[in-house]
C-alpha atoms as a PDB file:
ATOM      1  CA  MET A   1     -15.507  51.188   0.831  1.00  0.00           C
ATOM      2  CA  SER A   2     -17.782  53.068   3.194  1.00  0.00           C
ATOM      3  CA  LYS A   3     -17.188  53.300   6.919  1.00  0.00           C
ATOM      4  CA  LEU A   4     -20.219  51.093   7.552  1.00  0.00           C
ATOM      5  CA  ASN A   5     -18.913  48.383   5.217  1.00  0.00           C
ATOM      6  CA  THR A   6     -15.498  48.541   6.856  1.00  0.00           C
ATOM      7  CA  LEU A   7     -17.020  48.263  10.320  1.00  0.00           C
ATOM      8  CA  LEU A   8     -19.237  45.331   9.330  1.00  0.00           C
ATOM      9  CA  LEU A   9     -16.367  43.512   7.623  1.00  0.00           C
ATOM     10  CA  LYS A  10     -14.207  43.946  10.701  1.00  0.00           C
ATOM     11  CA  GLN A  11     -16.936  42.579  12.986  1.00  0.00           C
ATOM     12  CA  ILE A  12     -17.596  39.642  10.666  1.00  0.00           C
ATOM     13  CA  SER A  13     -13.874  38.884  10.457  1.00  0.00           C
ATOM     14  CA  THR A  14     -13.561  38.869  14.229  1.00  0.00           C
ATOM     15  CA  LYS A  15     -16.481  36.458  14.608  1.00  0.00           C
ATOM     16  CA  VAL A  16     -15.384  34.153  11.784  1.00  0.00           C
ATOM     17  CA  LYS A  17     -11.851  33.876  13.148  1.00  0.00           C
ATOM     18  CA  LYS A  18     -13.335  32.354  16.306  1.00  0.00           C
ATOM     19  CA  PHE A  19     -14.951  29.605  14.217  1.00  0.00           C
ATOM     20  CA  GLU A  20     -13.640  26.190  15.246  1.00  0.00           C
ATOM     21  CA  LEU A  21     -12.598  25.223  11.701  1.00  0.00           C
ATOM     22  CA  TYR A  22     -10.987  28.559  10.886  1.00  0.00           C
ATOM     23  CA  ASP A  23      -7.455  27.162  11.031  1.00  0.00           C
ATOM     24  CA  GLN A  24      -8.323  24.453   8.502  1.00  0.00           C
ATOM     25  CA  HIS A  25      -9.840  26.945   6.041  1.00  0.00           C
ATOM     26  CA  LYS A  26      -7.796  30.051   6.862  1.00  0.00           C
ATOM     27  CA  LYS A  27      -6.582  30.700   3.302  1.00  0.00           C
ATOM     28  CA  GLU A  28     -10.082  30.572   1.788  1.00  0.00           C
ATOM     29  CA  ILE A  29     -11.730  32.556   4.584  1.00  0.00           C
ATOM     30  CA  ASP A  30      -9.093  35.286   4.519  1.00  0.00           C
ATOM     31  CA  PHE A  31      -9.522  35.545   0.744  1.00  0.00           C
ATOM     32  CA  ILE A  32     -13.304  35.883   0.992  1.00  0.00           C
ATOM     33  CA  LEU A  33     -12.967  38.527   3.715  1.00  0.00           C
ATOM     34  CA  SER A  34     -10.624  40.613   1.544  1.00  0.00           C
ATOM     35  CA  PRO A  35     -12.744  42.595  -0.929  1.00  0.00           C
ATOM     36  CA  LYS A  36      -9.685  43.959  -2.745  1.00  0.00           C
ATOM     37  CA  GLU A  37      -8.298  40.476  -3.361  1.00  0.00           C
ATOM     38  CA  VAL A  38     -11.690  39.172  -4.519  1.00  0.00           C
ATOM     39  CA  LEU A  39     -12.087  42.077  -6.928  1.00  0.00           C
ATOM     40  CA  LYS A  40      -8.559  41.581  -8.275  1.00  0.00           C
ATOM     41  CA  GLU A  41      -9.319  37.890  -8.904  1.00  0.00           C
ATOM     42  CA  LYS A  42     -12.623  38.712 -10.621  1.00  0.00           C
ATOM     43  CA  GLU A  43     -10.939  41.256 -12.867  1.00  0.00           C
ATOM     44  CA  ALA A  44      -8.147  38.802 -13.736  1.00  0.00           C
ATOM     45  CA  HIS A  45     -10.801  36.380 -15.024  1.00  0.00           C
ATOM     46  CA  LYS A  46     -12.854  39.168 -16.632  1.00  0.00           C
ATOM     47  CA  TYR A  47     -15.784  38.343 -14.308  1.00  0.00           C
ATOM     48  CA  ASN A  48     -16.142  34.914 -15.965  1.00  0.00           C
ATOM     49  CA  ILE A  49     -17.310  32.579 -13.189  1.00  0.00           C
ATOM     50  CA  ILE A  50     -16.440  29.457 -15.184  1.00  0.00           C
ATOM     51  CA  LYS A  51     -12.798  30.483 -15.474  1.00  0.00           C
ATOM     52  CA  GLY A  52     -12.665  31.905 -11.963  1.00  0.00           C
ATOM     53  CA  TRP A  53     -13.959  28.709 -10.384  1.00  0.00           C
ATOM     54  CA  ASN A  54     -12.099  26.419 -12.805  1.00  0.00           C
ATOM     55  CA  LEU A  55     -15.338  24.799 -13.967  1.00  0.00           C
END
């Protein structure tokens, strides 16, 4: 990931963690803000959105 992407992700994370409902949705938000975890999940489901979202 580029330095710009890293910087933006850090700033977004800081702002989102101040969101009033962050504690209720911490697991989901932390997952979304972790590109490595998202990529690992996508690869595990072979980029199939139906399987990945359990549709």
